[in-house]
N, C-alpha and C. Protein backbone atom coordinates (compact mmCIF):
# COMPACT_ATOMS: atom_id res chain seq x y z
N MET A 1 -33.87 50.10 53.08
CA MET A 1 -33.58 48.93 53.79
C MET A 1 -32.64 47.92 53.08
N LEU A 2 -32.27 48.24 51.97
CA LEU A 2 -31.34 47.36 51.17
C LEU A 2 -30.02 47.12 51.91
N TYR A 3 -29.57 48.19 52.73
CA TYR A 3 -28.28 48.02 53.37
C TYR A 3 -28.24 46.73 54.25
N ARG A 4 -29.39 46.34 54.77
CA ARG A 4 -29.41 45.09 55.55
C ARG A 4 -28.92 43.83 54.96
N CYS A 5 -29.17 43.77 53.63
CA CYS A 5 -28.64 42.60 52.84
C CYS A 5 -27.20 42.33 53.00
N VAL A 6 -26.41 43.40 53.13
CA VAL A 6 -24.95 43.24 53.18
C VAL A 6 -24.60 42.58 54.50
N ILE A 7 -25.23 42.79 55.56
CA ILE A 7 -24.74 42.32 56.80
C ILE A 7 -25.58 41.07 57.26
N SER A 8 -26.48 40.56 56.38
CA SER A 8 -27.20 39.32 56.66
C SER A 8 -26.28 38.07 56.46
N PHE A 9 -26.73 36.98 56.90
CA PHE A 9 -25.89 35.80 56.84
C PHE A 9 -25.86 35.19 55.48
N GLU A 10 -26.86 35.48 54.68
CA GLU A 10 -26.91 34.95 53.21
C GLU A 10 -27.09 36.17 52.25
N PRO A 11 -26.09 36.91 52.10
CA PRO A 11 -26.21 38.16 51.29
C PRO A 11 -26.55 37.80 49.79
N HIS A 12 -26.04 36.65 49.39
CA HIS A 12 -26.34 36.25 47.96
C HIS A 12 -27.81 36.08 47.71
N ARG A 13 -28.58 35.61 48.70
CA ARG A 13 -29.95 35.49 48.55
C ARG A 13 -30.76 36.69 48.84
N SER A 14 -30.50 37.22 50.08
CA SER A 14 -31.37 38.30 50.53
C SER A 14 -31.18 39.61 49.71
N CYS A 15 -30.00 39.95 49.30
CA CYS A 15 -29.83 41.19 48.57
C CYS A 15 -30.48 41.28 47.26
N ALA A 16 -30.20 40.18 46.48
CA ALA A 16 -30.80 40.08 45.11
C ALA A 16 -32.34 39.90 45.27
N SER A 17 -32.80 39.23 46.26
CA SER A 17 -34.27 39.08 46.38
C SER A 17 -35.03 40.52 46.72
N GLN A 18 -34.33 41.19 47.55
CA GLN A 18 -34.76 42.60 47.95
C GLN A 18 -34.82 43.61 46.68
N ILE A 19 -33.78 43.50 45.88
CA ILE A 19 -33.74 44.23 44.61
C ILE A 19 -34.97 43.77 43.77
N ARG A 20 -35.08 42.53 43.53
CA ARG A 20 -36.16 42.08 42.69
C ARG A 20 -37.53 42.39 43.20
N ILE A 21 -37.76 42.39 44.56
CA ILE A 21 -39.03 42.79 45.04
C ILE A 21 -39.32 44.24 45.02
N VAL A 22 -38.39 44.96 45.53
CA VAL A 22 -38.55 46.49 45.63
C VAL A 22 -38.41 47.16 44.37
N ARG A 23 -37.64 46.71 43.40
CA ARG A 23 -37.31 47.29 42.12
C ARG A 23 -36.95 48.75 42.19
N PRO A 24 -35.94 49.06 42.99
CA PRO A 24 -35.64 50.60 43.05
C PRO A 24 -34.94 50.99 41.74
N LYS A 25 -35.13 52.21 41.35
CA LYS A 25 -34.51 52.79 40.18
C LYS A 25 -33.00 52.67 40.34
N ILE A 26 -32.58 52.99 41.55
CA ILE A 26 -31.08 53.03 41.78
C ILE A 26 -30.75 52.40 43.14
N VAL A 27 -29.61 51.67 43.10
CA VAL A 27 -29.07 51.09 44.34
C VAL A 27 -27.60 51.89 44.41
N VAL A 28 -27.42 52.61 45.60
CA VAL A 28 -26.24 53.18 45.66
C VAL A 28 -25.39 52.44 46.74
N CYS A 29 -24.19 51.88 46.47
CA CYS A 29 -23.44 51.24 47.35
C CYS A 29 -22.24 52.02 47.89
N LEU A 30 -22.25 52.44 49.09
CA LEU A 30 -21.28 53.22 49.67
C LEU A 30 -20.03 52.37 50.12
N GLY A 31 -19.04 52.43 49.36
CA GLY A 31 -17.85 51.64 49.63
C GLY A 31 -17.61 50.44 48.83
N LEU A 32 -16.50 49.93 48.81
CA LEU A 32 -16.12 48.78 48.02
C LEU A 32 -16.71 47.51 48.55
N MET A 33 -16.68 47.35 49.87
CA MET A 33 -17.27 46.20 50.50
C MET A 33 -18.72 45.92 50.22
N THR A 34 -19.59 46.99 50.30
CA THR A 34 -20.91 47.04 50.03
C THR A 34 -21.12 46.72 48.52
N PHE A 35 -20.32 47.30 47.76
CA PHE A 35 -20.60 47.16 46.17
C PHE A 35 -20.23 45.60 45.90
N ASN A 36 -19.13 45.19 46.49
CA ASN A 36 -18.80 43.67 46.17
C ASN A 36 -19.88 42.69 46.72
N ALA A 37 -20.53 43.05 47.85
CA ALA A 37 -21.55 42.17 48.35
C ALA A 37 -22.78 42.09 47.46
N VAL A 38 -23.08 43.38 46.91
CA VAL A 38 -24.28 43.39 45.93
C VAL A 38 -23.87 42.69 44.62
N ARG A 39 -22.62 42.98 44.17
CA ARG A 39 -22.24 42.29 42.88
C ARG A 39 -22.28 40.78 43.12
N ILE A 40 -21.83 40.18 44.16
CA ILE A 40 -21.86 38.83 44.38
C ILE A 40 -23.33 38.28 44.41
N ALA A 41 -24.10 38.99 45.14
CA ALA A 41 -25.57 38.73 45.25
C ALA A 41 -26.22 38.74 43.86
N CYS A 42 -25.80 39.57 42.98
CA CYS A 42 -26.39 39.74 41.62
C CYS A 42 -25.70 38.88 40.59
N GLY A 43 -24.83 37.96 41.05
CA GLY A 43 -24.15 37.07 40.15
C GLY A 43 -22.84 37.44 39.47
N HIS A 44 -22.19 38.60 39.95
CA HIS A 44 -21.01 39.01 39.39
C HIS A 44 -19.85 38.72 40.27
N LYS A 45 -18.62 38.66 39.70
CA LYS A 45 -17.47 38.46 40.65
C LYS A 45 -17.11 39.85 41.28
N PRO A 46 -16.48 39.76 42.51
CA PRO A 46 -16.03 41.00 43.22
C PRO A 46 -14.87 41.65 42.51
N VAL A 47 -14.70 42.97 42.69
CA VAL A 47 -13.54 43.59 42.11
C VAL A 47 -12.58 43.98 43.31
N ARG A 48 -11.41 44.16 42.97
CA ARG A 48 -10.31 44.35 44.08
C ARG A 48 -10.19 45.82 44.50
N ARG A 49 -10.30 46.67 43.57
CA ARG A 49 -10.07 48.11 43.89
C ARG A 49 -11.32 49.03 43.56
N MET A 50 -11.24 50.13 44.30
CA MET A 50 -12.33 51.14 44.09
C MET A 50 -12.38 51.66 42.66
N LYS A 51 -11.27 51.80 42.09
CA LYS A 51 -11.12 52.20 40.73
C LYS A 51 -11.86 51.30 39.72
N GLU A 52 -11.63 50.06 39.91
CA GLU A 52 -12.36 49.01 39.11
C GLU A 52 -13.91 49.11 39.31
N ALA A 53 -14.26 49.34 40.56
CA ALA A 53 -15.67 49.39 40.83
C ALA A 53 -16.29 50.67 40.19
N MET A 54 -15.62 51.72 40.21
CA MET A 54 -16.09 53.02 39.67
C MET A 54 -16.14 52.76 38.14
N GLU A 55 -15.22 52.17 37.47
CA GLU A 55 -15.27 51.96 36.00
C GLU A 55 -16.34 50.97 35.64
N ASP A 56 -16.81 50.11 36.60
CA ASP A 56 -17.75 49.07 36.23
C ASP A 56 -19.21 49.47 36.65
N SER A 57 -19.38 50.70 37.23
CA SER A 57 -20.62 51.23 37.63
C SER A 57 -21.20 51.99 36.43
N PRO A 58 -22.49 51.84 36.14
CA PRO A 58 -23.40 51.02 36.98
C PRO A 58 -23.62 49.74 36.42
N LEU A 59 -24.08 48.72 37.22
CA LEU A 59 -24.45 47.42 36.83
C LEU A 59 -25.94 47.62 36.75
N THR A 60 -26.55 46.73 35.89
CA THR A 60 -28.06 46.63 35.87
C THR A 60 -28.46 45.31 36.32
N PHE A 61 -29.41 45.27 37.27
CA PHE A 61 -29.90 43.99 37.75
C PHE A 61 -31.40 44.15 38.02
N ALA A 62 -32.26 43.33 37.50
CA ALA A 62 -33.67 43.35 37.74
C ALA A 62 -34.33 44.74 37.49
N GLY A 63 -33.79 45.47 36.49
CA GLY A 63 -34.19 46.81 36.20
C GLY A 63 -33.71 47.92 37.00
N SER A 64 -32.76 47.58 37.98
CA SER A 64 -32.22 48.60 38.88
C SER A 64 -30.74 48.96 38.40
N ARG A 65 -30.44 50.14 38.55
CA ARG A 65 -28.99 50.65 38.22
C ARG A 65 -28.24 50.60 39.57
N ILE A 66 -27.21 49.88 39.59
CA ILE A 66 -26.37 49.77 40.83
C ILE A 66 -25.03 50.36 40.65
N TRP A 67 -24.94 51.48 41.60
CA TRP A 67 -23.75 52.27 41.50
C TRP A 67 -22.83 52.12 42.76
N CYS A 68 -21.56 52.13 42.52
CA CYS A 68 -20.56 52.24 43.61
C CYS A 68 -20.25 53.67 43.78
N GLN A 69 -20.16 54.17 45.06
CA GLN A 69 -19.67 55.41 45.31
C GLN A 69 -18.74 55.38 46.49
N ALA A 70 -17.80 56.24 46.63
CA ALA A 70 -16.86 56.23 47.78
C ALA A 70 -17.67 56.41 49.06
N HIS A 71 -17.33 55.70 50.11
CA HIS A 71 -17.91 55.91 51.33
C HIS A 71 -17.94 57.29 51.84
N THR A 72 -19.00 57.76 52.48
CA THR A 72 -19.15 59.10 52.92
C THR A 72 -18.31 59.49 53.97
N GLY A 73 -17.66 58.46 54.69
CA GLY A 73 -16.79 58.81 55.80
C GLY A 73 -15.45 59.43 55.36
N ALA A 74 -14.74 59.98 56.26
CA ALA A 74 -13.55 60.66 55.95
C ALA A 74 -12.55 59.79 55.23
N ARG A 75 -12.41 58.53 55.57
CA ARG A 75 -11.41 57.67 54.92
C ARG A 75 -11.78 57.45 53.52
N GLY A 76 -13.06 57.13 53.24
CA GLY A 76 -13.65 56.97 51.90
C GLY A 76 -13.34 58.25 51.07
N GLN A 77 -13.68 59.36 51.55
CA GLN A 77 -13.43 60.71 50.86
C GLN A 77 -12.00 60.91 50.69
N ASN A 78 -11.14 60.79 51.60
CA ASN A 78 -9.72 61.03 51.54
C ASN A 78 -9.00 60.09 50.40
N ASN A 79 -9.31 58.79 50.51
CA ASN A 79 -8.70 57.80 49.68
C ASN A 79 -9.13 58.10 48.16
N ARG A 80 -10.33 58.52 47.85
CA ARG A 80 -10.73 58.81 46.53
C ARG A 80 -10.51 60.19 46.14
N GLY A 81 -10.50 61.12 47.01
CA GLY A 81 -10.24 62.49 46.68
C GLY A 81 -11.53 63.26 46.39
N ARG A 82 -11.67 64.43 46.91
CA ARG A 82 -12.92 65.24 46.71
C ARG A 82 -13.29 65.40 45.38
N GLU A 83 -12.25 65.80 44.43
CA GLU A 83 -12.64 66.01 43.02
C GLU A 83 -13.24 64.76 42.38
N ARG A 84 -12.56 63.64 42.62
CA ARG A 84 -13.05 62.38 41.96
C ARG A 84 -14.37 61.97 42.56
N VAL A 85 -14.57 62.17 43.76
CA VAL A 85 -15.87 61.89 44.40
C VAL A 85 -16.88 62.70 43.81
N ALA A 86 -16.74 63.99 43.72
CA ALA A 86 -17.67 64.85 43.04
C ALA A 86 -17.96 64.38 41.64
N GLU A 87 -17.03 64.07 40.86
CA GLU A 87 -17.14 63.70 39.47
C GLU A 87 -17.95 62.32 39.47
N ASP A 88 -17.67 61.39 40.45
CA ASP A 88 -18.37 60.17 40.48
C ASP A 88 -19.94 60.42 40.61
N TRP A 89 -20.21 61.36 41.56
CA TRP A 89 -21.68 61.68 41.72
C TRP A 89 -22.21 62.35 40.54
N ARG A 90 -21.55 63.24 39.84
CA ARG A 90 -22.02 63.86 38.65
C ARG A 90 -22.31 62.81 37.46
N LYS A 91 -21.39 61.80 37.42
CA LYS A 91 -21.62 60.67 36.49
C LYS A 91 -22.94 59.97 36.73
N MET A 92 -23.19 59.76 38.07
CA MET A 92 -24.37 59.03 38.42
C MET A 92 -25.72 59.90 38.09
N LYS A 93 -25.56 61.18 38.34
CA LYS A 93 -26.63 62.07 37.98
C LYS A 93 -27.01 62.15 36.57
N VAL A 94 -25.95 62.24 35.71
CA VAL A 94 -26.20 62.34 34.26
C VAL A 94 -26.88 60.97 33.81
N ASP A 95 -26.44 59.83 34.29
CA ASP A 95 -27.03 58.56 34.07
C ASP A 95 -28.53 58.57 34.38
N LEU A 96 -28.83 59.07 35.59
CA LEU A 96 -30.16 58.96 36.03
C LEU A 96 -31.08 59.93 35.32
N SER A 97 -30.47 61.08 34.77
CA SER A 97 -31.31 62.00 33.89
C SER A 97 -31.42 61.64 32.51
N GLY A 98 -31.06 60.48 32.26
CA GLY A 98 -31.04 60.01 30.83
C GLY A 98 -29.96 60.45 29.88
N GLY A 99 -28.79 60.81 30.45
CA GLY A 99 -27.69 61.25 29.60
C GLY A 99 -27.72 62.66 29.35
N ALA A 100 -28.59 63.53 29.84
CA ALA A 100 -28.74 64.87 29.49
C ALA A 100 -27.74 65.69 30.28
């Protein structure tokens, strides 16, 4: 249900509050707009490009790892490229498994 925080009227309050309450191990933001909304809610400045978002992932907030991933729609996949998208998900998997 964390996706709702991005479309609420006060994303800065609701998203950070939801993360603090739920304390998920991971928050996956699909697309740059979602990642930036969560970044702002967690006290970070937005980034301009997907490349920057991927380089800055993951963020840690209230014990949760926050990852940006390319949107699963055709445009997100085409803009990032299948190979890079697959590598991005592998990077997240390695992080979640403790670097193994």
